[in-house]
C-alpha cells in the first residue's frame, strides 16, 4: 500500500451488523454501494434538485446549459470523464466522454458510540473504528494501480447538512474555464457531500470511488445485495487489510448477552487481531 503520503487524521466509525463484521474479517473484503442506492433514496436528489433550482434561477451563470445537462446525466447514472484522443506536437488532446461510470460509496461516521446511530444502523450490531491513514492508503493504492484504465478522482470528506451558503461559489468554480473538463466530478463531489439537515446526527464521512466494468479484476468484483424491496449494486474490494485497519469494535448497547462480546473476541483472535479492542458501549439503555 502507498505509505509516502500522510493524510489528515480522521475519527472514522462504521456502524454495521455482526454479519457484516464477520464477512469483512473472514473474507478480507469490504463493499461500497452504488451512489444511487444509498440508505436515503432521496439524498442524491436532495442535492441535485437544489443545484438545478439555483442554476435555473440564475441565467447569467457561465456554461449554464452544460451544468444543467451534467446534473441531469448524473441523476441517471452517466458521468463525463476525460479521455486522451490524440496529440498535437507535445500537447495532449483531451475530450470529455460520457459513460456509465457510477461512484460507489463507503459511508462512515465521525460519531463514536452514538445512540442515534445505534438505533438507526446497528441496534444489534457493532461499531468498527478504522485507522484513517491505513484506510486511505488502501483506496488510493487501488486507484494508483488502475490508473491505466482511467480510474481517478476519489471523492472523500465530511458531509454537509442543509448548507446552501457555498453554492454560489461552487457553481462559479464548476463553470470556470479551468474546470470545464471536471464539471461532472465537481458536481458529483458537491452532491455526494450534501444531505438534509435532518440527518446531521450521523456526522457522516464518505469515501466514493468511480467504477466501470473494465476495472473489474482479481482485486474487485461486482456483487448485489437484497435489502427489503431493493437489489443494490455493490463493488467488493478484495485483500482488504482489516487487521491493520481495525482499531476498535464496540458492541451495541442494545446487545446484553456476554456471549456476543466473547464471540466477537474469538472471531478477532482467529483472524490475528487482539481481542482487547472489543469494547462495550458506554451508553446505558433504560
C-alpha atoms as a PDB file:
ATOM      1  CA  UNK A   1       0.000   0.000   0.000  1.00  0.00           C
ATOM      2  CA  UNK A   2       1.047   3.616  -0.567  1.00  0.00           C
ATOM      3  CA  UNK A   3       2.864   4.880   2.527  1.00  0.00           C
ATOM      4  CA  UNK A   4       4.614   8.055   1.363  1.00  0.00           C
ATOM      5  CA  UNK A   5       1.614  10.362   1.870  1.00  0.00           C
ATOM      6  CA  UNK A   6       0.479  11.302   5.361  1.00  0.00           C
ATOM      7  CA  UNK A   7      -3.235  12.000   5.300  1.00  0.00           C
ATOM      8  CA  UNK A   8      -5.093  14.090   7.820  1.00  0.00           C
ATOM      9  CA  UNK A   9      -6.257  12.051  10.806  1.00  0.00           C
ATOM     10  CA  UNK A  10      -9.996  11.336  10.851  1.00  0.00           C
ATOM     11  CA  UNK A  11     -12.006   9.564  13.533  1.00  0.00           C
ATOM     12  CA  UNK A  12     -13.867   7.089  11.330  1.00  0.00           C
ATOM     13  CA  UNK A  13     -16.517   4.673  12.568  1.00  0.00           C
ATOM     14  CA  UNK A  14     -18.651   2.171  10.682  1.00  0.00           C
ATOM     15  CA  UNK A  15     -21.941   1.115  12.309  1.00  0.00           C
ATOM     16  CA  UNK A  16     -22.954  -2.242  10.964  1.00  0.00           C
ATOM     17  CA  UNK A  17     -24.373  -5.689  11.678  1.00  0.00           C
ATOM     18  CA  UNK A  18     -22.454  -8.579  13.172  1.00  0.00           C
ATOM     19  CA  UNK A  19     -22.977 -10.400   9.863  1.00  0.00           C
ATOM     20  CA  UNK A  20     -21.067  -7.644   8.047  1.00  0.00           C
ATOM     21  CA  UNK A  21     -18.311  -7.641  10.677  1.00  0.00           C
ATOM     22  CA  UNK A  22     -17.986 -11.400  10.198  1.00  0.00           C
ATOM     23  CA  UNK A  23     -17.876 -11.111   6.400  1.00  0.00           C
ATOM     24  CA  UNK A  24     -15.198  -8.385   6.442  1.00  0.00           C
ATOM     25  CA  UNK A  25     -12.993 -10.367   8.803  1.00  0.00           C
ATOM     26  CA  UNK A  26     -13.448 -13.799   7.270  1.00  0.00           C
ATOM     27  CA  UNK A  27     -13.252 -12.761   3.617  1.00  0.00           C
ATOM     28  CA  UNK A  28     -10.823  -9.824   3.963  1.00  0.00           C
ATOM     29  CA  UNK A  29     -13.143  -7.754   1.801  1.00  0.00           C
ATOM     30  CA  UNK A  30     -15.120  -4.538   2.032  1.00  0.00           C
ATOM     31  CA  UNK A  31     -18.064  -3.400  -0.082  1.00  0.00           C
ATOM     32  CA  UNK A  32     -19.046   0.017  -1.403  1.00  0.00           C
ATOM     33  CA  UNK A  33     -22.594   0.760  -2.601  1.00  0.00           C
ATOM     34  CA  UNK A  34     -23.694   2.411  -5.853  1.00  0.00           C
ATOM     35  CA  UNK A  35     -24.360   6.070  -5.007  1.00  0.00           C
ATOM     36  CA  UNK A  36     -27.897   5.822  -6.437  1.00  0.00           C
ATOM     37  CA  UNK A  37     -28.822   3.119  -3.895  1.00  0.00           C
ATOM     38  CA  UNK A  38     -27.801   4.700  -0.593  1.00  0.00           C
ATOM     39  CA  UNK A  39     -29.943   4.324   2.538  1.00  0.00           C
ATOM     40  CA  UNK A  40     -31.862   7.538   1.971  1.00  0.00           C
ATOM     41  CA  UNK A  41     -33.012   7.084  -1.621  1.00  0.00           C
ATOM     42  CA  UNK A  42     -33.686  10.808  -1.992  1.00  0.00           C
ATOM     43  CA  UNK A  43     -30.368  12.130  -0.711  1.00  0.00           C
ATOM     44  CA  UNK A  44     -28.683  12.478  -4.105  1.00  0.00           C
ATOM     45  CA  UNK A  45     -31.794  14.167  -5.490  1.00  0.00           C
ATOM     46  CA  UNK A  46     -31.900  16.459  -2.448  1.00  0.00           C
ATOM     47  CA  UNK A  47     -28.619  17.986  -3.628  1.00  0.00           C
ATOM     48  CA  UNK A  48     -29.222  17.835  -7.389  1.00  0.00           C
ATOM     49  CA  UNK A  49     -32.657  19.452  -7.116  1.00  0.00           C
ATOM     50  CA  UNK A  50     -31.236  22.343  -5.089  1.00  0.00           C
ATOM     51  CA  UNK A  51     -28.433  22.728  -7.593  1.00  0.00           C
ATOM     52  CA  UNK A  52     -30.764  22.710 -10.602  1.00  0.00           C
ATOM     53  CA  UNK A  53     -33.078  25.242  -8.970  1.00  0.00           C
ATOM     54  CA  UNK A  54     -30.169  27.595  -8.282  1.00  0.00           C
ATOM     55  CA  UNK A  55     -28.752  27.280 -11.826  1.00  0.00           C
ATOM     56  CA  UNK A  56     -32.173  27.710 -13.471  1.00  0.00           C
ATOM     57  CA  UNK A  57     -32.808  30.823 -11.371  1.00  0.00           C
ATOM     58  CA  UNK A  58     -29.536  32.493 -12.374  1.00  0.00           C
ATOM     59  CA  UNK A  59     -29.442  32.969 -16.180  1.00  0.00           C
ATOM     60  CA  UNK A  60     -26.065  34.776 -16.093  1.00  0.00           C
ATOM     61  CA  UNK A  61     -24.152  31.702 -14.901  1.00  0.00           C
ATOM     62  CA  UNK A  62     -21.389  30.632 -17.311  1.00  0.00           C
ATOM     63  CA  UNK A  63     -21.966  27.299 -19.056  1.00  0.00           C
ATOM     64  CA  UNK A  64     -25.486  27.225 -17.589  1.00  0.00           C
ATOM     65  CA  UNK A  65     -26.933  24.670 -20.004  1.00  0.00           C
ATOM     66  CA  UNK A  66     -23.868  22.454 -19.743  1.00  0.00           C
ATOM     67  CA  UNK A  67     -24.175  22.447 -15.956  1.00  0.00           C
ATOM     68  CA  UNK A  68     -27.874  21.553 -16.095  1.00  0.00           C
ATOM     69  CA  UNK A  69     -27.189  18.732 -18.562  1.00  0.00           C
ATOM     70  CA  UNK A  70     -24.438  17.400 -16.317  1.00  0.00           C
ATOM     71  CA  UNK A  71     -26.723  17.379 -13.264  1.00  0.00           C
ATOM     72  CA  UNK A  72     -29.449  15.535 -15.177  1.00  0.00           C
ATOM     73  CA  UNK A  73     -26.973  12.966 -16.509  1.00  0.00           C
ATOM     74  CA  UNK A  74     -25.600  12.359 -13.019  1.00  0.00           C
ATOM     75  CA  UNK A  75     -29.132  11.672 -11.792  1.00  0.00           C
ATOM     76  CA  UNK A  76     -29.435   8.933 -14.419  1.00  0.00           C
ATOM     77  CA  UNK A  77     -26.007   7.439 -13.658  1.00  0.00           C
ATOM     78  CA  UNK A  78     -23.991   8.895 -16.545  1.00  0.00           C
ATOM     79  CA  UNK A  79     -20.730  10.741 -15.905  1.00  0.00           C
ATOM     80  CA  UNK A  80     -18.369  12.530 -18.275  1.00  0.00           C
ATOM     81  CA  UNK A  81     -14.706  11.661 -17.899  1.00  0.00           C
ATOM     82  CA  UNK A  82     -11.656  12.996 -19.706  1.00  0.00           C
ATOM     83  CA  UNK A  83     -10.119  10.797 -22.393  1.00  0.00           C
ATOM     84  CA  UNK A  84      -6.958  11.273 -24.427  1.00  0.00           C
ATOM     85  CA  UNK A  85      -7.982  11.377 -28.097  1.00  0.00           C
ATOM     86  CA  UNK A  86      -4.685  12.322 -29.725  1.00  0.00           C
ATOM     87  CA  UNK A  87      -1.605  14.502 -29.727  1.00  0.00           C
ATOM     88  CA  UNK A  88      -0.676  17.806 -31.370  1.00  0.00           C
ATOM     89  CA  UNK A  89       3.060  18.199 -31.121  1.00  0.00           C
ATOM     90  CA  UNK A  90       3.860  17.936 -27.434  1.00  0.00           C
ATOM     91  CA  UNK A  91       0.265  18.683 -26.425  1.00  0.00           C
ATOM     92  CA  UNK A  92      -2.187  16.008 -25.339  1.00  0.00           C
ATOM     93  CA  UNK A  93      -5.656  16.394 -26.858  1.00  0.00           C
ATOM     94  CA  UNK A  94      -8.318  15.594 -24.289  1.00  0.00           C
ATOM     95  CA  UNK A  95     -12.025  15.202 -24.912  1.00  0.00           C
ATOM     96  CA  UNK A  96     -14.890  14.561 -22.482  1.00  0.00           C
ATOM     97  CA  UNK A  97     -16.520  11.144 -22.864  1.00  0.00           C
ATOM     98  CA  UNK A  98     -19.975  10.389 -21.457  1.00  0.00           C
ATOM     99  CA  UNK A  99     -20.004   6.940 -19.886  1.00  0.00           C
ATOM    100  CA  UNK A 100     -21.909   4.760 -17.440  1.00  0.00           C
ATOM    101  CA  UNK A 101     -19.443   5.398 -14.638  1.00  0.00           C
ATOM    102  CA  UNK A 102     -21.043   5.070 -11.234  1.00  0.00           C
ATOM    103  CA  UNK A 103     -19.488   6.091  -7.946  1.00  0.00           C
ATOM    104  CA  UNK A 104     -19.529   3.533  -5.157  1.00  0.00           C
ATOM    105  CA  UNK A 105     -19.707   4.860  -1.625  1.00  0.00           C
ATOM    106  CA  UNK A 106     -18.461   3.755   1.792  1.00  0.00           C
ATOM    107  CA  UNK A 107     -20.459   5.553   4.475  1.00  0.00           C
ATOM    108  CA  UNK A 108     -18.653   6.176   7.752  1.00  0.00           C
ATOM    109  CA  UNK A 109     -19.251   8.451  10.723  1.00  0.00           C
ATOM    110  CA  UNK A 110     -17.206  10.757  12.927  1.00  0.00           C
ATOM    111  CA  UNK A 111     -19.551   9.883  15.824  1.00  0.00           C
ATOM    112  CA  UNK A 112     -18.346   7.294  18.341  1.00  0.00           C
ATOM    113  CA  UNK A 113     -20.815   5.289  20.423  1.00  0.00           C
ATOM    114  CA  UNK A 114     -23.762   7.452  19.353  1.00  0.00           C
ATOM    115  CA  UNK A 115     -27.263   6.438  20.473  1.00  0.00           C
ATOM    116  CA  UNK A 116     -28.984   7.737  17.329  1.00  0.00           C
ATOM    117  CA  UNK A 117     -26.569   5.823  15.104  1.00  0.00           C
ATOM    118  CA  UNK A 118     -27.044   2.655  17.141  1.00  0.00           C
ATOM    119  CA  UNK A 119     -30.811   2.875  16.752  1.00  0.00           C
ATOM    120  CA  UNK A 120     -30.725   3.584  13.012  1.00  0.00           C
ATOM    121  CA  UNK A 121     -27.948   1.348  11.742  1.00  0.00           C
ATOM    122  CA  UNK A 122     -26.773  -1.235  14.275  1.00  0.00           C
ATOM    123  CA  UNK A 123     -29.242  -1.888  17.116  1.00  0.00           C
ATOM    124  CA  UNK A 124     -27.987  -5.482  17.395  1.00  0.00           C
ATOM    125  CA  UNK A 125     -24.621  -4.915  15.753  1.00  0.00           C
ATOM    126  CA  UNK A 126     -21.362  -3.146  16.369  1.00  0.00           C
ATOM    127  CA  UNK A 127     -19.348  -0.031  15.603  1.00  0.00           C
ATOM    128  CA  UNK A 128     -15.964  -0.547  13.954  1.00  0.00           C
ATOM    129  CA  UNK A 129     -13.267   2.101  14.236  1.00  0.00           C
ATOM    130  CA  UNK A 130     -10.977   2.306  11.193  1.00  0.00           C
ATOM    131  CA  UNK A 131      -7.464   3.716  11.089  1.00  0.00           C
ATOM    132  CA  UNK A 132      -7.935   6.577   8.623  1.00  0.00           C
ATOM    133  CA  UNK A 133      -4.342   6.567   7.364  1.00  0.00           C
ATOM    134  CA  UNK A 134      -4.427   2.864   6.508  1.00  0.00           C
ATOM    135  CA  UNK A 135      -7.927   3.114   5.038  1.00  0.00           C
ATOM    136  CA  UNK A 136      -6.990   5.987   2.727  1.00  0.00           C
ATOM    137  CA  UNK A 137      -3.790   4.185   1.723  1.00  0.00           C
ATOM    138  CA  UNK A 138      -5.814   1.150   0.662  1.00  0.00           C
ATOM    139  CA  UNK A 139      -8.189   3.052  -1.614  1.00  0.00           C
ATOM    140  CA  UNK A 140      -5.560   5.363  -3.098  1.00  0.00           C
ATOM    141  CA  UNK A 141      -3.339   2.352  -3.808  1.00  0.00           C
ATOM    142  CA  UNK A 142      -6.250   0.753  -5.657  1.00  0.00           C
ATOM    143  CA  UNK A 143      -6.669   3.966  -7.638  1.00  0.00           C
ATOM    144  CA  UNK A 144      -2.979   4.143  -8.499  1.00  0.00           C
ATOM    145  CA  UNK A 145      -2.913   0.515  -9.654  1.00  0.00           C
ATOM    146  CA  UNK A 146      -5.830   1.163 -12.005  1.00  0.00           C
ATOM    147  CA  UNK A 147      -4.708   4.483 -13.480  1.00  0.00           C
ATOM    148  CA  UNK A 148      -4.044   2.858 -16.891  1.00  0.00           C
ATOM    149  CA  UNK A 149      -7.801   2.159 -17.087  1.00  0.00           C
ATOM    150  CA  UNK A 150      -8.572   5.758 -16.111  1.00  0.00           C
ATOM    151  CA  UNK A 151      -9.706   5.275 -12.518  1.00  0.00           C
ATOM    152  CA  UNK A 152      -9.214   8.688 -10.897  1.00  0.00           C
ATOM    153  CA  UNK A 153     -10.813  11.297  -8.664  1.00  0.00           C
ATOM    154  CA  UNK A 154     -11.697   9.652  -5.390  1.00  0.00           C
ATOM    155  CA  UNK A 155     -14.286  11.714  -3.538  1.00  0.00           C
ATOM    156  CA  UNK A 156     -13.960  11.817   0.235  1.00  0.00           C
ATOM    157  CA  UNK A 157     -14.868  14.166   3.034  1.00  0.00           C
ATOM    158  CA  UNK A 158     -17.363  15.127   5.690  1.00  0.00           C
ATOM    159  CA  UNK A 159     -20.973  15.506   4.638  1.00  0.00           C
ATOM    160  CA  UNK A 160     -22.553  18.963   4.970  1.00  0.00           C
ATOM    161  CA  UNK A 161     -26.138  19.218   6.138  1.00  0.00           C
ATOM    162  CA  UNK A 162     -28.553  21.709   4.548  1.00  0.00           C
ATOM    163  CA  UNK A 163     -25.726  24.147   3.787  1.00  0.00           C
ATOM    164  CA  UNK A 164     -26.533  26.413   0.802  1.00  0.00           C
ATOM    165  CA  UNK A 165     -24.028  29.165   1.570  1.00  0.00           C
ATOM    166  CA  UNK A 166     -21.282  27.643  -0.568  1.00  0.00           C
ATOM    167  CA  UNK A 167     -23.481  27.046  -3.622  1.00  0.00           C
ATOM    168  CA  UNK A 168     -22.758  30.344  -5.484  1.00  0.00           C
ATOM    169  CA  UNK A 169     -19.021  29.851  -5.015  1.00  0.00           C
ATOM    170  CA  UNK A 170     -19.221  26.191  -6.041  1.00  0.00           C
ATOM    171  CA  UNK A 171     -21.249  26.892  -9.187  1.00  0.00           C
ATOM    172  CA  UNK A 172     -18.803  29.626 -10.278  1.00  0.00           C
ATOM    173  CA  UNK A 173     -15.934  27.230  -9.651  1.00  0.00           C
ATOM    174  CA  UNK A 174     -17.649  24.416 -11.597  1.00  0.00           C
ATOM    175  CA  UNK A 175     -18.315  26.610 -14.629  1.00  0.00           C
ATOM    176  CA  UNK A 176     -14.908  28.287 -14.855  1.00  0.00           C
ATOM    177  CA  UNK A 177     -12.800  27.659 -17.966  1.00  0.00           C
ATOM    178  CA  UNK A 178     -10.127  25.957 -15.874  1.00  0.00           C
ATOM    179  CA  UNK A 179     -12.609  23.362 -14.599  1.00  0.00           C
ATOM    180  CA  UNK A 180     -14.663  22.598 -17.718  1.00  0.00           C
ATOM    181  CA  UNK A 181     -13.318  19.063 -18.041  1.00  0.00           C
ATOM    182  CA  UNK A 182     -14.054  18.473 -14.349  1.00  0.00           C
ATOM    183  CA  UNK A 183     -17.676  19.665 -14.332  1.00  0.00           C
ATOM    184  CA  UNK A 184     -19.110  16.211 -13.691  1.00  0.00           C
ATOM    185  CA  UNK A 185     -16.628  15.405 -10.957  1.00  0.00           C
ATOM    186  CA  UNK A 186     -17.145  18.758  -9.230  1.00  0.00           C
ATOM    187  CA  UNK A 187     -20.935  18.456  -9.338  1.00  0.00           C
ATOM    188  CA  UNK A 188     -20.877  14.896  -8.066  1.00  0.00           C
ATOM    189  CA  UNK A 189     -18.444  15.782  -5.291  1.00  0.00           C
ATOM    190  CA  UNK A 190     -20.733  18.590  -4.179  1.00  0.00           C
ATOM    191  CA  UNK A 191     -23.860  16.415  -4.324  1.00  0.00           C
ATOM    192  CA  UNK A 192     -22.381  13.364  -2.591  1.00  0.00           C
ATOM    193  CA  UNK A 193     -21.272  15.519   0.332  1.00  0.00           C
ATOM    194  CA  UNK A 194     -24.653  17.243   0.842  1.00  0.00           C
ATOM    195  CA  UNK A 195     -27.611  15.942   2.860  1.00  0.00           C
ATOM    196  CA  UNK A 196     -30.732  17.287   4.516  1.00  0.00           C
ATOM    197  CA  UNK A 197     -30.128  18.782   7.975  1.00  0.00           C
ATOM    198  CA  UNK A 198     -32.442  16.125   9.443  1.00  0.00           C
ATOM    199  CA  UNK A 199     -29.531  13.688   9.087  1.00  0.00           C
ATOM    200  CA  UNK A 200     -26.975  15.877  10.882  1.00  0.00           C
ATOM    201  CA  UNK A 201     -26.828  13.426  13.801  1.00  0.00           C
ATOM    202  CA  UNK A 202     -24.994  10.971  11.504  1.00  0.00           C
ATOM    203  CA  UNK A 203     -21.830  13.140  11.303  1.00  0.00           C
ATOM    204  CA  UNK A 204     -21.179  11.217   8.094  1.00  0.00           C
ATOM    205  CA  UNK A 205     -17.854  10.901   6.328  1.00  0.00           C
ATOM    206  CA  UNK A 206     -17.862   9.432   2.825  1.00  0.00           C
ATOM    207  CA  UNK A 207     -15.349   7.759   0.565  1.00  0.00           C
ATOM    208  CA  UNK A 208     -16.516   7.329  -3.041  1.00  0.00           C
ATOM    209  CA  UNK A 209     -14.724   5.677  -5.979  1.00  0.00           C
ATOM    210  CA  UNK A 210     -15.686   5.841  -9.672  1.00  0.00           C
ATOM    211  CA  UNK A 211     -16.164   2.482 -11.291  1.00  0.00           C
ATOM    212  CA  UNK A 212     -16.715   0.884 -14.687  1.00  0.00           C
ATOM    213  CA  UNK A 213     -16.811  -2.771 -15.737  1.00  0.00           C
ATOM    214  CA  UNK A 214     -13.314  -2.518 -17.260  1.00  0.00           C
ATOM    215  CA  UNK A 215     -11.847  -2.039 -13.775  1.00  0.00           C
ATOM    216  CA  UNK A 216     -13.044  -5.480 -12.609  1.00  0.00           C
ATOM    217  CA  UNK A 217     -10.200  -7.925 -11.997  1.00  0.00           C
ATOM    218  CA  UNK A 218      -8.863 -10.222  -9.278  1.00  0.00           C
ATOM    219  CA  UNK A 219      -8.824  -7.320  -6.819  1.00  0.00           C
ATOM    220  CA  UNK A 220     -12.538  -6.475  -7.039  1.00  0.00           C
ATOM    221  CA  UNK A 221     -15.888  -7.817  -8.180  1.00  0.00           C
ATOM    222  CA  UNK A 222     -19.433  -6.589  -8.713  1.00  0.00           C
ATOM    223  CA  UNK A 223     -21.912  -8.009  -6.210  1.00  0.00           C
ATOM    224  CA  UNK A 224     -25.561  -7.445  -5.313  1.00  0.00           C
ATOM    225  CA  UNK A 225     -27.470  -7.499  -2.043  1.00  0.00           C
ATOM    226  CA  UNK A 226     -31.213  -7.606  -1.455  1.00  0.00           C
ATOM    227  CA  UNK A 227     -32.463  -5.012   1.018  1.00  0.00           C
ATOM    228  CA  UNK A 228     -36.220  -5.200   1.542  1.00  0.00           C
ATOM    229  CA  UNK A 229     -37.637  -4.392  -1.927  1.00  0.00           C
ATOM    230  CA  UNK A 230     -34.319  -3.239  -3.467  1.00  0.00           C
ATOM    231  CA  UNK A 231     -31.497  -5.013  -5.217  1.00  0.00           C
ATOM    232  CA  UNK A 232     -28.425  -2.871  -4.538  1.00  0.00           C
ATOM    233  CA  UNK A 233     -25.304  -2.979  -6.764  1.00  0.00           C
ATOM    234  CA  UNK A 234     -22.056  -3.064  -4.831  1.00  0.00           C
ATOM    235  CA  UNK A 235     -18.340  -3.363  -5.538  1.00  0.00           C
ATOM    236  CA  UNK A 236     -16.432  -5.788  -3.330  1.00  0.00           C
ATOM    237  CA  UNK A 237     -12.755  -4.962  -2.824  1.00  0.00           C
ATOM    238  CA  UNK A 238     -10.528  -7.954  -2.129  1.00  0.00           C
ATOM    239  CA  UNK A 239      -7.443  -8.240   0.080  1.00  0.00           C
ATOM    240  CA  UNK A 240      -8.739  -5.607   2.469  1.00  0.00           C
ATOM    241  CA  UNK A 241      -6.102  -5.364   5.245  1.00  0.00           C
ATOM    242  CA  UNK A 242      -8.606  -5.409   8.065  1.00  0.00           C
ATOM    243  CA  UNK A 243      -6.038  -6.486  10.664  1.00  0.00           C
ATOM    244  CA  UNK A 244      -4.095  -3.249  10.007  1.00  0.00           C
ATOM    245  CA  UNK A 245      -7.139  -1.001   9.713  1.00  0.00           C
ATOM    246  CA  UNK A 246      -9.403  -2.153  12.558  1.00  0.00           C
ATOM    247  CA  UNK A 247      -8.725  -0.317  15.836  1.00  0.00           C
ATOM    248  CA  UNK A 248     -11.899  -0.879  17.890  1.00  0.00           C
ATOM    249  CA  UNK A 249     -15.066  -2.922  17.865  1.00  0.00           C
ATOM    250  CA  UNK A 250     -17.779  -1.525  20.113  1.00  0.00           C
ATOM    251  CA  UNK A 251     -20.778  -3.773  20.804  1.00  0.00           C
ATOM    252  CA  UNK A 252     -24.198  -2.133  20.585  1.00  0.00           C
ATOM    253  CA  UNK A 253     -25.726  -1.124  23.953  1.00  0.00           C
ATOM    254  CA  UNK A 254     -28.895  -2.957  22.899  1.00  0.00           C
ATOM    255  CA  UNK A 255     -26.999  -6.267  22.945  1.00  0.00           C
ATOM    256  CA  UNK A 256     -26.965  -7.628  26.501  1.00  0.00           C
ATOM    257  CA  UNK A 257     -25.500 -11.108  26.044  1.00  0.00           C
ATOM    258  CA  UNK A 258     -21.944 -11.604  27.251  1.00  0.00           C
ATOM    259  CA  UNK A 259     -21.674 -14.374  24.677  1.00  0.00           C
ATOM    260  CA  UNK A 260     -21.867 -11.757  21.895  1.00  0.00           C
ATOM    261  CA  UNK A 261     -18.835  -9.997  23.339  1.00  0.00           C
ATOM    262  CA  UNK A 262     -16.967 -13.282  23.724  1.00  0.00           C
ATOM    263  CA  UNK A 263     -17.878 -14.428  20.228  1.00  0.00           C
ATOM    264  CA  UNK A 264     -16.528 -11.257  18.641  1.00  0.00           C
ATOM    265  CA  UNK A 265     -13.324 -11.628  20.639  1.00  0.00           C
ATOM    266  CA  UNK A 266     -12.879 -15.192  19.398  1.00  0.00           C
ATOM    267  CA  UNK A 267     -13.529 -14.056  15.805  1.00  0.00           C
ATOM    268  CA  UNK A 268     -10.823 -11.406  16.103  1.00  0.00           C
ATOM    269  CA  UNK A 269      -8.328 -13.838  17.613  1.00  0.00           C
ATOM    270  CA  UNK A 270      -8.971 -16.295  14.780  1.00  0.00           C
ATOM    271  CA  UNK A 271      -8.025 -13.525  12.360  1.00  0.00           C
ATOM    272  CA  UNK A 272      -4.852 -12.474  14.160  1.00  0.00           C
ATOM    273  CA  UNK A 273      -6.336  -9.384  15.828  1.00  0.00           C
ATOM    274  CA  UNK A 274      -6.140  -8.621  19.541  1.00  0.00           C
ATOM    275  CA  UNK A 275      -9.426  -9.374  21.356  1.00  0.00           C
ATOM    276  CA  UNK A 276      -8.672  -6.431  23.663  1.00  0.00           C
ATOM    277  CA  UNK A 277     -10.062  -3.989  21.077  1.00  0.00           C
ATOM    278  CA  UNK A 278     -13.600  -5.341  21.657  1.00  0.00           C
ATOM    279  CA  UNK A 279     -15.374  -2.864  23.931  1.00  0.00           C
ATOM    280  CA  UNK A 280     -18.789  -2.420  25.457  1.00  0.00           C
ATOM    281  CA  UNK A 281     -20.828   0.690  24.767  1.00  0.00           C
ATOM    282  CA  UNK A 282     -20.812   3.361  27.455  1.00  0.00           C
ATOM    283  CA  UNK A 283     -24.482   4.109  26.793  1.00  0.00           C
ATOM    284  CA  UNK A 284     -26.889   2.890  29.446  1.00  0.00           C
ATOM    285  CA  UNK A 285     -30.157   1.689  27.946  1.00  0.00           C
ATOM    286  CA  UNK A 286     -33.102   2.182  30.258  1.00  0.00           C
END
